[in-house]
């Protein structure tokens, strides 16, 4: 039983690490602030229709604020991913365009 609990904890931790690696910083202007922008981001991500019909929605992430949790009304950490069951494809630039955001390029 302890092994199962440890295995589940490890899988959960790995999922969080993968999510953190996909995050990108985005600047936005939204009258509803960070929470309002994140609702729009997640909605646009979930409803996005990729040109490649083999892809289907995998995950939407949006957290107001930069890496230090500052500028919560003008900046967020985001990603939007789709998958074909094997490979992940990020569509952040398309969702940024749909929500009026500007992705940081590193």
PDB file of N, CA and C in Angstrom:
ATOM      1  N   UNK A   1       0.822  -1.191   0.000  1.00  0.00           N
ATOM      2  CA  UNK A   1       0.000   0.000   0.000  1.00  0.00           C
ATOM      3  C   UNK A   1       0.870   1.261   0.000  1.00  0.00           C
ATOM      4  N   UNK A   2       1.965   1.214   0.763  1.00  0.00           N
ATOM      5  CA  UNK A   2       2.865   2.363   0.799  1.00  0.00           C
ATOM      6  C   UNK A   2       3.490   2.599  -0.571  1.00  0.00           C
ATOM      7  N   UNK A   3       3.772   1.512  -1.289  1.00  0.00           N
ATOM      8  CA  UNK A   3       4.353   1.641  -2.619  1.00  0.00           C
ATOM      9  C   UNK A   3       3.403   2.370  -3.561  1.00  0.00           C
ATOM     10  N   UNK A   4       2.128   2.024  -3.517  1.00  0.00           N
ATOM     11  CA  UNK A   4       1.127   2.657  -4.380  1.00  0.00           C
ATOM     12  C   UNK A   4       1.038   4.144  -4.066  1.00  0.00           C
ATOM     13  N   UNK A   5       1.004   4.492  -2.794  1.00  0.00           N
ATOM     14  CA  UNK A   5       0.935   5.902  -2.397  1.00  0.00           C
ATOM     15  C   UNK A   5       2.177   6.652  -2.865  1.00  0.00           C
ATOM     16  N   UNK A   6       3.341   6.041  -2.722  1.00  0.00           N
ATOM     17  CA  UNK A   6       4.584   6.676  -3.160  1.00  0.00           C
ATOM     18  C   UNK A   6       4.604   6.840  -4.675  1.00  0.00           C
ATOM     19  N   UNK A   7       4.128   5.839  -5.397  1.00  0.00           N
ATOM     20  CA  UNK A   7       4.088   5.915  -6.859  1.00  0.00           C
ATOM     21  C   UNK A   7       3.147   7.021  -7.322  1.00  0.00           C
ATOM     22  N   UNK A   8       1.992   7.143  -6.686  1.00  0.00           N
ATOM     23  CA  UNK A   8       1.049   8.210  -7.032  1.00  0.00           C
ATOM     24  C   UNK A   8       1.648   9.577  -6.747  1.00  0.00           C
ATOM     25  N   UNK A   9       2.335   9.715  -5.636  1.00  0.00           N
ATOM     26  CA  UNK A   9       2.975  10.987  -5.300  1.00  0.00           C
ATOM     27  C   UNK A   9       4.028  11.348  -6.338  1.00  0.00           C
ATOM     28  N   UNK A  10       4.800  10.372  -6.784  1.00  0.00           N
ATOM     29  CA  UNK A  10       5.825  10.615  -7.791  1.00  0.00           C
ATOM     30  C   UNK A  10       5.211  11.036  -9.118  1.00  0.00           C
ATOM     31  N   UNK A  11       4.167  10.359  -9.552  1.00  0.00           N
ATOM     32  CA  UNK A  11       3.493  10.709 -10.804  1.00  0.00           C
ATOM     33  C   UNK A  11       2.918  12.117 -10.718  1.00  0.00           C
ATOM     34  N   UNK A  12       2.315  12.478  -9.606  1.00  0.00           N
ATOM     35  CA  UNK A  12       1.765  13.820  -9.422  1.00  0.00           C
ATOM     36  C   UNK A  12       2.861  14.866  -9.484  1.00  0.00           C
ATOM     37  N   UNK A  13       3.982  14.600  -8.844  1.00  0.00           N
ATOM     38  CA  UNK A  13       5.102  15.540  -8.859  1.00  0.00           C
ATOM     39  C   UNK A  13       5.650  15.712 -10.270  1.00  0.00           C
ATOM     40  N   UNK A  14       5.762  14.630 -11.015  1.00  0.00           N
ATOM     41  CA  UNK A  14       6.254  14.718 -12.388  1.00  0.00           C
ATOM     42  C   UNK A  14       5.311  15.520 -13.267  1.00  0.00           C
ATOM     43  N   UNK A  15       4.019  15.393 -13.066  1.00  0.00           N
ATOM     44  CA  UNK A  15       3.045  16.168 -13.840  1.00  0.00           C
ATOM     45  C   UNK A  15       3.212  17.652 -13.564  1.00  0.00           C
ATOM     46  N   UNK A  16       3.452  18.022 -12.315  1.00  0.00           N
ATOM     47  CA  UNK A  16       3.658  19.428 -11.972  1.00  0.00           C
ATOM     48  C   UNK A  16       4.934  19.966 -12.599  1.00  0.00           C
ATOM     49  N   UNK A  17       5.992  19.181 -12.614  1.00  0.00           N
ATOM     50  CA  UNK A  17       7.243  19.606 -13.231  1.00  0.00           C
ATOM     51  C   UNK A  17       7.047  19.812 -14.723  1.00  0.00           C
ATOM     52  N   UNK A  18       6.341  18.917 -15.377  1.00  0.00           N
ATOM     53  CA  UNK A  18       6.084  19.061 -16.810  1.00  0.00           C
ATOM     54  C   UNK A  18       5.290  20.328 -17.082  1.00  0.00           C
ATOM     55  N   UNK A  19       4.296  20.615 -16.250  1.00  0.00           N
ATOM     56  CA  UNK A  19       3.494  21.825 -16.426  1.00  0.00           C
ATOM     57  C   UNK A  19       4.357  23.061 -16.265  1.00  0.00           C
ATOM     58  N   UNK A  20       5.227  23.056 -15.268  1.00  0.00           N
ATOM     59  CA  UNK A  20       6.082  24.213 -15.020  1.00  0.00           C
ATOM     60  C   UNK A  20       7.010  24.471 -16.202  1.00  0.00           C
ATOM     61  N   UNK A  21       7.476  23.430 -16.855  1.00  0.00           N
ATOM     62  CA  UNK A  21       8.381  23.584 -17.984  1.00  0.00           C
ATOM     63  C   UNK A  21       7.703  24.215 -19.191  1.00  0.00           C
ATOM     64  N   UNK A  22       6.408  24.077 -19.320  1.00  0.00           N
ATOM     65  CA  UNK A  22       5.683  24.601 -20.472  1.00  0.00           C
ATOM     66  C   UNK A  22       5.223  26.044 -20.291  1.00  0.00           C
ATOM     67  N   UNK A  23       5.325  26.579 -19.089  1.00  0.00           N
ATOM     68  CA  UNK A  23       4.803  27.920 -18.834  1.00  0.00           C
ATOM     69  C   UNK A  23       5.576  28.985 -19.602  1.00  0.00           C
ATOM     70  N   UNK A  24       4.833  29.963 -20.078  1.00  0.00           N
ATOM     71  CA  UNK A  24       5.402  31.105 -20.766  1.00  0.00           C
ATOM     72  C   UNK A  24       4.778  32.354 -20.158  1.00  0.00           C
ATOM     73  N   UNK A  25       5.543  33.436 -20.084  1.00  0.00           N
ATOM     74  CA  UNK A  25       5.025  34.681 -19.527  1.00  0.00           C
ATOM     75  C   UNK A  25       4.337  35.476 -20.625  1.00  0.00           C
ATOM     76  N   UNK A  26       3.181  36.047 -20.281  1.00  0.00           N
ATOM     77  CA  UNK A  26       2.403  36.830 -21.232  1.00  0.00           C
ATOM     78  C   UNK A  26       2.003  38.149 -20.577  1.00  0.00           C
ATOM     79  N   UNK A  27       2.055  39.235 -21.340  1.00  0.00           N
ATOM     80  CA  UNK A  27       1.553  40.533 -20.895  1.00  0.00           C
ATOM     81  C   UNK A  27       0.178  40.733 -21.504  1.00  0.00           C
ATOM     82  N   UNK A  28      -0.695  41.400 -20.767  1.00  0.00           N
ATOM     83  CA  UNK A  28      -2.052  41.631 -21.251  1.00  0.00           C
ATOM     84  C   UNK A  28      -2.611  42.898 -20.636  1.00  0.00           C
ATOM     85  N   UNK A  29      -3.664  43.408 -21.258  1.00  0.00           N
ATOM     86  CA  UNK A  29      -4.470  44.473 -20.661  1.00  0.00           C
ATOM     87  C   UNK A  29      -5.889  43.944 -20.621  1.00  0.00           C
ATOM     88  N   UNK A  30      -6.445  43.899 -19.437  1.00  0.00           N
ATOM     89  CA  UNK A  30      -7.790  43.358 -19.269  1.00  0.00           C
ATOM     90  C   UNK A  30      -8.456  44.097 -18.126  1.00  0.00           C
ATOM     91  N   UNK A  31      -9.625  44.636 -18.372  1.00  0.00           N
ATOM     92  CA  UNK A  31     -10.349  45.377 -17.337  1.00  0.00           C
ATOM     93  C   UNK A  31     -10.670  44.504 -16.132  1.00  0.00           C
ATOM     94  N   UNK A  32     -10.736  43.195 -16.326  1.00  0.00           N
ATOM     95  CA  UNK A  32     -11.046  42.268 -15.238  1.00  0.00           C
ATOM     96  C   UNK A  32      -9.804  41.770 -14.513  1.00  0.00           C
ATOM     97  N   UNK A  33      -8.618  42.298 -14.862  1.00  0.00           N
ATOM     98  CA  UNK A  33      -7.381  41.905 -14.190  1.00  0.00           C
ATOM     99  C   UNK A  33      -6.935  40.500 -14.549  1.00  0.00           C
ATOM    100  N   UNK A  34      -6.038  39.975 -13.724  1.00  0.00           N
ATOM    101  CA  UNK A  34      -5.444  38.670 -13.987  1.00  0.00           C
ATOM    102  C   UNK A  34      -6.436  37.527 -13.969  1.00  0.00           C
ATOM    103  N   UNK A  35      -7.342  37.547 -13.012  1.00  0.00           N
ATOM    104  CA  UNK A  35      -8.332  36.460 -12.928  1.00  0.00           C
ATOM    105  C   UNK A  35      -9.231  36.459 -14.159  1.00  0.00           C
ATOM    106  N   UNK A  36      -9.641  37.640 -14.602  1.00  0.00           N
ATOM    107  CA  UNK A  36     -10.474  37.739 -15.803  1.00  0.00           C
ATOM    108  C   UNK A  36      -9.737  37.283 -17.047  1.00  0.00           C
ATOM    109  N   UNK A  37      -8.460  37.701 -17.156  1.00  0.00           N
ATOM    110  CA  UNK A  37      -7.669  37.269 -18.305  1.00  0.00           C
ATOM    111  C   UNK A  37      -7.507  35.757 -18.306  1.00  0.00           C
ATOM    112  N   UNK A  38      -7.244  35.176 -17.139  1.00  0.00           N
ATOM    113  CA  UNK A  38      -7.038  33.723 -17.072  1.00  0.00           C
ATOM    114  C   UNK A  38      -8.302  32.958 -17.452  1.00  0.00           C
ATOM    115  N   UNK A  39      -9.463  33.483 -17.105  1.00  0.00           N
ATOM    116  CA  UNK A  39     -10.710  32.835 -17.538  1.00  0.00           C
ATOM    117  C   UNK A  39     -10.802  32.853 -19.058  1.00  0.00           C
ATOM    118  N   UNK A  40     -10.456  33.998 -19.662  1.00  0.00           N
ATOM    119  CA  UNK A  40     -10.491  34.107 -21.124  1.00  0.00           C
ATOM    120  C   UNK A  40      -9.459  33.179 -21.769  1.00  0.00           C
ATOM    121  N   UNK A  41      -8.255  33.106 -21.182  1.00  0.00           N
ATOM    122  CA  UNK A  41      -7.203  32.229 -21.718  1.00  0.00           C
ATOM    123  C   UNK A  41      -7.667  30.779 -21.723  1.00  0.00           C
ATOM    124  N   UNK A  42      -8.166  30.321 -20.581  1.00  0.00           N
ATOM    125  CA  UNK A  42      -8.583  28.920 -20.464  1.00  0.00           C
ATOM    126  C   UNK A  42      -9.740  28.605 -21.407  1.00  0.00           C
ATOM    127  N   UNK A  43     -10.683  29.522 -21.528  1.00  0.00           N
ATOM    128  CA  UNK A  43     -11.820  29.319 -22.428  1.00  0.00           C
ATOM    129  C   UNK A  43     -11.343  29.252 -23.882  1.00  0.00           C
ATOM    130  N   UNK A  44     -10.453  30.185 -24.263  1.00  0.00           N
ATOM    131  CA  UNK A  44      -9.933  30.188 -25.632  1.00  0.00           C
ATOM    132  C   UNK A  44      -9.135  28.923 -25.919  1.00  0.00           C
ATOM    133  N   UNK A  45      -8.391  28.452 -24.938  1.00  0.00           N
ATOM    134  CA  UNK A  45      -7.597  27.232 -25.111  1.00  0.00           C
ATOM    135  C   UNK A  45      -8.501  26.019 -25.304  1.00  0.00           C
ATOM    136  N   UNK A  46      -9.457  25.851 -24.430  1.00  0.00           N
ATOM    137  CA  UNK A  46     -10.351  24.692 -24.493  1.00  0.00           C
ATOM    138  C   UNK A  46     -11.130  24.666 -25.807  1.00  0.00           C
ATOM    139  N   UNK A  47     -11.508  25.843 -26.303  1.00  0.00           N
ATOM    140  CA  UNK A  47     -12.323  25.923 -27.514  1.00  0.00           C
ATOM    141  C   UNK A  47     -11.515  26.048 -28.803  1.00  0.00           C
ATOM    142  N   UNK A  48     -10.198  26.090 -28.704  1.00  0.00           N
ATOM    143  CA  UNK A  48      -9.341  26.201 -29.887  1.00  0.00           C
ATOM    144  C   UNK A  48      -9.485  24.946 -30.759  1.00  0.00           C
ATOM    145  N   UNK A  49      -9.547  25.162 -32.065  1.00  0.00           N
ATOM    146  CA  UNK A  49      -9.641  24.047 -33.016  1.00  0.00           C
ATOM    147  C   UNK A  49      -8.371  24.062 -33.866  1.00  0.00           C
ATOM    148  N   UNK A  50      -7.455  23.127 -33.605  1.00  0.00           N
ATOM    149  CA  UNK A  50      -6.208  23.097 -34.379  1.00  0.00           C
ATOM    150  C   UNK A  50      -6.445  22.665 -35.825  1.00  0.00           C
ATOM    151  N   UNK A  51      -5.559  23.107 -36.715  1.00  0.00           N
ATOM    152  CA  UNK A  51      -5.651  22.691 -38.120  1.00  0.00           C
ATOM    153  C   UNK A  51      -5.440  21.194 -38.260  1.00  0.00           C
ATOM    154  N   UNK A  52      -4.595  20.630 -37.419  1.00  0.00           N
ATOM    155  CA  UNK A  52      -4.314  19.195 -37.437  1.00  0.00           C
ATOM    156  C   UNK A  52      -5.433  18.473 -36.690  1.00  0.00           C
ATOM    157  N   UNK A  53      -6.280  17.768 -37.410  1.00  0.00           N
ATOM    158  CA  UNK A  53      -7.451  17.129 -36.798  1.00  0.00           C
ATOM    159  C   UNK A  53      -7.105  15.938 -35.904  1.00  0.00           C
ATOM    160  N   UNK A  54      -5.837  15.507 -35.910  1.00  0.00           N
ATOM    161  CA  UNK A  54      -5.448  14.408 -35.014  1.00  0.00           C
ATOM    162  C   UNK A  54      -5.183  14.900 -33.593  1.00  0.00           C
ATOM    163  N   UNK A  55      -5.116  16.220 -33.413  1.00  0.00           N
ATOM    164  CA  UNK A  55      -4.844  16.786 -32.091  1.00  0.00           C
ATOM    165  C   UNK A  55      -6.128  17.014 -31.316  1.00  0.00           C
ATOM    166  N   UNK A  56      -6.066  16.771 -30.022  1.00  0.00           N
ATOM    167  CA  UNK A  56      -7.188  17.063 -29.133  1.00  0.00           C
ATOM    168  C   UNK A  56      -6.669  17.737 -27.874  1.00  0.00           C
ATOM    169  N   UNK A  57      -7.557  18.463 -27.207  1.00  0.00           N
ATOM    170  CA  UNK A  57      -7.197  19.253 -26.032  1.00  0.00           C
ATOM    171  C   UNK A  57      -6.530  18.393 -24.967  1.00  0.00           C
ATOM    172  N   UNK A  58      -5.461  18.951 -24.374  1.00  0.00           N
ATOM    173  CA  UNK A  58      -4.767  18.266 -23.288  1.00  0.00           C
ATOM    174  C   UNK A  58      -4.832  19.068 -21.994  1.00  0.00           C
ATOM    175  N   UNK A  59      -4.380  20.352 -22.021  1.00  0.00           N
ATOM    176  CA  UNK A  59      -4.335  21.117 -20.772  1.00  0.00           C
ATOM    177  C   UNK A  59      -4.319  22.611 -21.045  1.00  0.00           C
ATOM    178  N   UNK A  60      -4.911  23.358 -20.117  1.00  0.00           N
ATOM    179  CA  UNK A  60      -4.871  24.818 -20.130  1.00  0.00           C
ATOM    180  C   UNK A  60      -4.371  25.266 -18.768  1.00  0.00           C
ATOM    181  N   UNK A  61      -3.433  26.204 -18.761  1.00  0.00           N
ATOM    182  CA  UNK A  61      -2.873  26.697 -17.508  1.00  0.00           C
ATOM    183  C   UNK A  61      -2.747  28.204 -17.601  1.00  0.00           C
ATOM    184  N   UNK A  62      -3.153  28.897 -16.553  1.00  0.00           N
ATOM    185  CA  UNK A  62      -2.976  30.342 -16.475  1.00  0.00           C
ATOM    186  C   UNK A  62      -2.920  30.730 -15.004  1.00  0.00           C
ATOM    187  N   UNK A  63      -1.826  31.375 -14.619  1.00  0.00           N
ATOM    188  CA  UNK A  63      -1.636  31.842 -13.249  1.00  0.00           C
ATOM    189  C   UNK A  63      -1.277  33.320 -13.307  1.00  0.00           C
ATOM    190  N   UNK A  64      -2.125  34.208 -12.760  1.00  0.00           N
ATOM    191  CA  UNK A  64      -1.795  35.634 -12.778  1.00  0.00           C
ATOM    192  C   UNK A  64      -0.466  35.915 -12.083  1.00  0.00           C
ATOM    193  N   UNK A  65       0.291  36.857 -12.635  1.00  0.00           N
ATOM    194  CA  UNK A  65       1.561  37.261 -12.047  1.00  0.00           C
ATOM    195  C   UNK A  65       2.750  36.699 -12.800  1.00  0.00           C
ATOM    196  N   UNK A  66       3.895  37.349 -12.589  1.00  0.00           N
ATOM    197  CA  UNK A  66       5.131  36.872 -13.205  1.00  0.00           C
ATOM    198  C   UNK A  66       5.749  35.785 -12.325  1.00  0.00           C
ATOM    199  N   UNK A  67       6.987  35.426 -12.589  1.00  0.00           N
ATOM    200  CA  UNK A  67       7.646  34.354 -11.843  1.00  0.00           C
ATOM    201  C   UNK A  67       7.785  34.680 -10.358  1.00  0.00           C
ATOM    202  N   UNK A  68       7.765  35.957 -10.008  1.00  0.00           N
ATOM    203  CA  UNK A  68       7.855  36.379  -8.601  1.00  0.00           C
ATOM    204  C   UNK A  68       6.487  36.717  -8.026  1.00  0.00           C
ATOM    205  N   UNK A  69       5.448  36.416  -8.791  1.00  0.00           N
ATOM    206  CA  UNK A  69       4.064  36.677  -8.404  1.00  0.00           C
ATOM    207  C   UNK A  69       3.749  38.173  -8.315  1.00  0.00           C
ATOM    208  N   UNK A  70       4.465  38.980  -9.089  1.00  0.00           N
ATOM    209  CA  UNK A  70       4.197  40.417  -9.183  1.00  0.00           C
ATOM    210  C   UNK A  70       3.386  40.690 -10.446  1.00  0.00           C
ATOM    211  N   UNK A  71       2.893  41.907 -10.591  1.00  0.00           N
ATOM    212  CA  UNK A  71       2.182  42.373 -11.793  1.00  0.00           C
ATOM    213  C   UNK A  71       1.003  41.475 -12.138  1.00  0.00           C
ATOM    214  N   UNK A  72       0.230  41.101 -11.142  1.00  0.00           N
ATOM    215  CA  UNK A  72      -0.872  40.152 -11.340  1.00  0.00           C
ATOM    216  C   UNK A  72      -1.998  40.702 -12.220  1.00  0.00           C
ATOM    217  N   UNK A  73      -2.066  42.013 -12.409  1.00  0.00           N
ATOM    218  CA  UNK A  73      -3.118  42.594 -13.246  1.00  0.00           C
ATOM    219  C   UNK A  73      -2.683  42.826 -14.688  1.00  0.00           C
ATOM    220  N   UNK A  74      -1.400  42.563 -14.991  1.00  0.00           N
ATOM    221  CA  UNK A  74      -0.907  42.802 -16.351  1.00  0.00           C
ATOM    222  C   UNK A  74      -0.050  41.674 -16.912  1.00  0.00           C
ATOM    223  N   UNK A  75       0.247  40.668 -16.100  1.00  0.00           N
ATOM    224  CA  UNK A  75       1.136  39.581 -16.513  1.00  0.00           C
ATOM    225  C   UNK A  75       0.601  38.255 -15.982  1.00  0.00           C
ATOM    226  N   UNK A  76       0.831  37.194 -16.741  1.00  0.00           N
ATOM    227  CA  UNK A  76       0.452  35.853 -16.275  1.00  0.00           C
ATOM    228  C   UNK A  76       1.444  34.834 -16.823  1.00  0.00           C
ATOM    229  N   UNK A  77       1.457  33.668 -16.213  1.00  0.00           N
ATOM    230  CA  UNK A  77       2.222  32.521 -16.708  1.00  0.00           C
ATOM    231  C   UNK A  77       1.204  31.545 -17.281  1.00  0.00           C
ATOM    232  N   UNK A  78       1.410  31.160 -18.533  1.00  0.00           N
ATOM    233  CA  UNK A  78       0.378  30.421 -19.263  1.00  0.00           C
ATOM    234  C   UNK A  78       0.958  29.284 -20.096  1.00  0.00           C
ATOM    235  N   UNK A  79       0.096  28.346 -20.443  1.00  0.00           N
ATOM    236  CA  UNK A  79       0.338  27.440 -21.560  1.00  0.00           C
ATOM    237  C   UNK A  79      -0.983  26.816 -21.969  1.00  0.00           C
ATOM    238  N   UNK A  80      -1.014  26.352 -23.213  1.00  0.00           N
ATOM    239  CA  UNK A  80      -2.164  25.649 -23.763  1.00  0.00           C
ATOM    240  C   UNK A  80      -1.607  24.515 -24.607  1.00  0.00           C
ATOM    241  N   UNK A  81      -1.982  23.290 -24.271  1.00  0.00           N
ATOM    242  CA  UNK A  81      -1.416  22.154 -24.997  1.00  0.00           C
ATOM    243  C   UNK A  81      -2.487  21.231 -25.555  1.00  0.00           C
ATOM    244  N   UNK A  82      -2.134  20.653 -26.686  1.00  0.00           N
ATOM    245  CA  UNK A  82      -2.940  19.646 -27.358  1.00  0.00           C
ATOM    246  C   UNK A  82      -2.048  18.431 -27.572  1.00  0.00           C
ATOM    247  N   UNK A  83      -2.633  17.292 -27.846  1.00  0.00           N
ATOM    248  CA  UNK A  83      -1.861  16.070 -28.051  1.00  0.00           C
ATOM    249  C   UNK A  83      -2.523  15.201 -29.113  1.00  0.00           C
ATOM    250  N   UNK A  84      -1.716  14.342 -29.709  1.00  0.00           N
ATOM    251  CA  UNK A  84      -2.254  13.323 -30.616  1.00  0.00           C
ATOM    252  C   UNK A  84      -2.286  11.969 -29.916  1.00  0.00           C
ATOM    253  N   UNK A  85      -2.066  11.976 -28.624  1.00  0.00           N
ATOM    254  CA  UNK A  85      -2.027  10.758 -27.833  1.00  0.00           C
ATOM    255  C   UNK A  85      -0.612  10.335 -27.494  1.00  0.00           C
ATOM    256  N   UNK A  86       0.346  10.845 -28.267  1.00  0.00           N
ATOM    257  CA  UNK A  86       1.751  10.520 -28.032  1.00  0.00           C
ATOM    258  C   UNK A  86       2.586  11.773 -27.821  1.00  0.00           C
ATOM    259  N   UNK A  87       2.401  12.750 -28.687  1.00  0.00           N
ATOM    260  CA  UNK A  87       3.198  13.976 -28.661  1.00  0.00           C
ATOM    261  C   UNK A  87       2.359  15.163 -28.222  1.00  0.00           C
ATOM    262  N   UNK A  88       3.000  16.074 -27.503  1.00  0.00           N
ATOM    263  CA  UNK A  88       2.342  17.296 -27.047  1.00  0.00           C
ATOM    264  C   UNK A  88       2.688  18.440 -27.991  1.00  0.00           C
ATOM    265  N   UNK A  89       1.702  19.300 -28.269  1.00  0.00           N
ATOM    266  CA  UNK A  89       1.922  20.492 -29.087  1.00  0.00           C
ATOM    267  C   UNK A  89       1.378  21.690 -28.333  1.00  0.00           C
ATOM    268  N   UNK A  90       2.239  22.687 -28.107  1.00  0.00           N
ATOM    269  CA  UNK A  90       1.804  23.926 -27.470  1.00  0.00           C
ATOM    270  C   UNK A  90       1.254  24.871 -28.531  1.00  0.00           C
ATOM    271  N   UNK A  91       0.138  25.508 -28.225  1.00  0.00           N
ATOM    272  CA  UNK A  91      -0.484  26.453 -29.152  1.00  0.00           C
ATOM    273  C   UNK A  91      -0.584  27.834 -28.502  1.00  0.00           C
ATOM    274  N   UNK A  92       0.399  28.165 -27.670  1.00  0.00           N
ATOM    275  CA  UNK A  92       0.381  29.412 -26.911  1.00  0.00           C
ATOM    276  C   UNK A  92       0.238  30.644 -27.797  1.00  0.00           C
ATOM    277  N   UNK A  93       0.956  30.680 -28.928  1.00  0.00           N
ATOM    278  CA  UNK A  93       0.907  31.881 -29.766  1.00  0.00           C
ATOM    279  C   UNK A  93      -0.494  32.103 -30.337  1.00  0.00           C
ATOM    280  N   UNK A  94      -1.214  31.035 -30.641  1.00  0.00           N
ATOM    281  CA  UNK A  94      -2.570  31.172 -31.174  1.00  0.00           C
ATOM    282  C   UNK A  94      -3.533  31.678 -30.097  1.00  0.00           C
ATOM    283  N   UNK A  95      -3.375  31.177 -28.884  1.00  0.00           N
ATOM    284  CA  UNK A  95      -4.254  31.599 -27.793  1.00  0.00           C
ATOM    285  C   UNK A  95      -3.907  33.026 -27.375  1.00  0.00           C
ATOM    286  N   UNK A  96      -2.634  33.383 -27.416  1.00  0.00           N
ATOM    287  CA  UNK A  96      -2.237  34.760 -27.118  1.00  0.00           C
ATOM    288  C   UNK A  96      -2.887  35.721 -28.110  1.00  0.00           C
ATOM    289  N   UNK A  97      -2.866  35.367 -29.383  1.00  0.00           N
ATOM    290  CA  UNK A  97      -3.492  36.215 -30.402  1.00  0.00           C
ATOM    291  C   UNK A  97      -4.992  36.328 -30.167  1.00  0.00           C
ATOM    292  N   UNK A  98      -5.623  35.231 -29.779  1.00  0.00           N
ATOM    293  CA  UNK A  98      -7.073  35.235 -29.559  1.00  0.00           C
ATOM    294  C   UNK A  98      -7.476  36.052 -28.335  1.00  0.00           C
ATOM    295  N   UNK A  99      -6.580  36.155 -27.350  1.00  0.00           N
ATOM    296  CA  UNK A  99      -6.909  36.865 -26.110  1.00  0.00           C
ATOM    297  C   UNK A  99      -6.297  38.259 -26.049  1.00  0.00           C
ATOM    298  N   UNK A 100      -5.540  38.642 -27.066  1.00  0.00           N
ATOM    299  CA  UNK A 100      -4.934  39.970 -27.094  1.00  0.00           C
ATOM    300  C   UNK A 100      -3.684  40.094 -26.245  1.00  0.00           C
ATOM    301  N   UNK A 101      -3.091  38.981 -25.874  1.00  0.00           N
ATOM    302  CA  UNK A 101      -1.877  39.006 -25.063  1.00  0.00           C
ATOM    303  C   UNK A 101      -0.622  39.032 -25.916  1.00  0.00           C
ATOM    304  N   UNK A 102       0.503  39.354 -25.264  1.00  0.00           N
ATOM    305  CA  UNK A 102       1.804  39.395 -25.935  1.00  0.00           C
ATOM    306  C   UNK A 102       2.767  38.492 -25.170  1.00  0.00           C
ATOM    307  N   UNK A 103       3.169  37.373 -25.802  1.00  0.00           N
ATOM    308  CA  UNK A 103       4.077  36.420 -25.167  1.00  0.00           C
ATOM    309  C   UNK A 103       5.492  36.974 -25.100  1.00  0.00           C
ATOM    310  N   UNK A 104       6.166  36.731 -23.986  1.00  0.00           N
ATOM    311  CA  UNK A 104       7.581  37.081 -23.858  1.00  0.00           C
ATOM    312  C   UNK A 104       8.392  36.075 -24.655  1.00  0.00           C
ATOM    313  N   UNK A 105       9.385  36.547 -25.366  1.00  0.00           N
ATOM    314  CA  UNK A 105      10.291  35.672 -26.109  1.00  0.00           C
ATOM    315  C   UNK A 105      11.616  35.635 -25.367  1.00  0.00           C
ATOM    316  N   UNK A 106      12.071  34.465 -25.021  1.00  0.00           N
ATOM    317  CA  UNK A 106      13.333  34.317 -24.279  1.00  0.00           C
ATOM    318  C   UNK A 106      14.384  33.722 -25.164  1.00  0.00           C
TER     319      UNK A 106
END
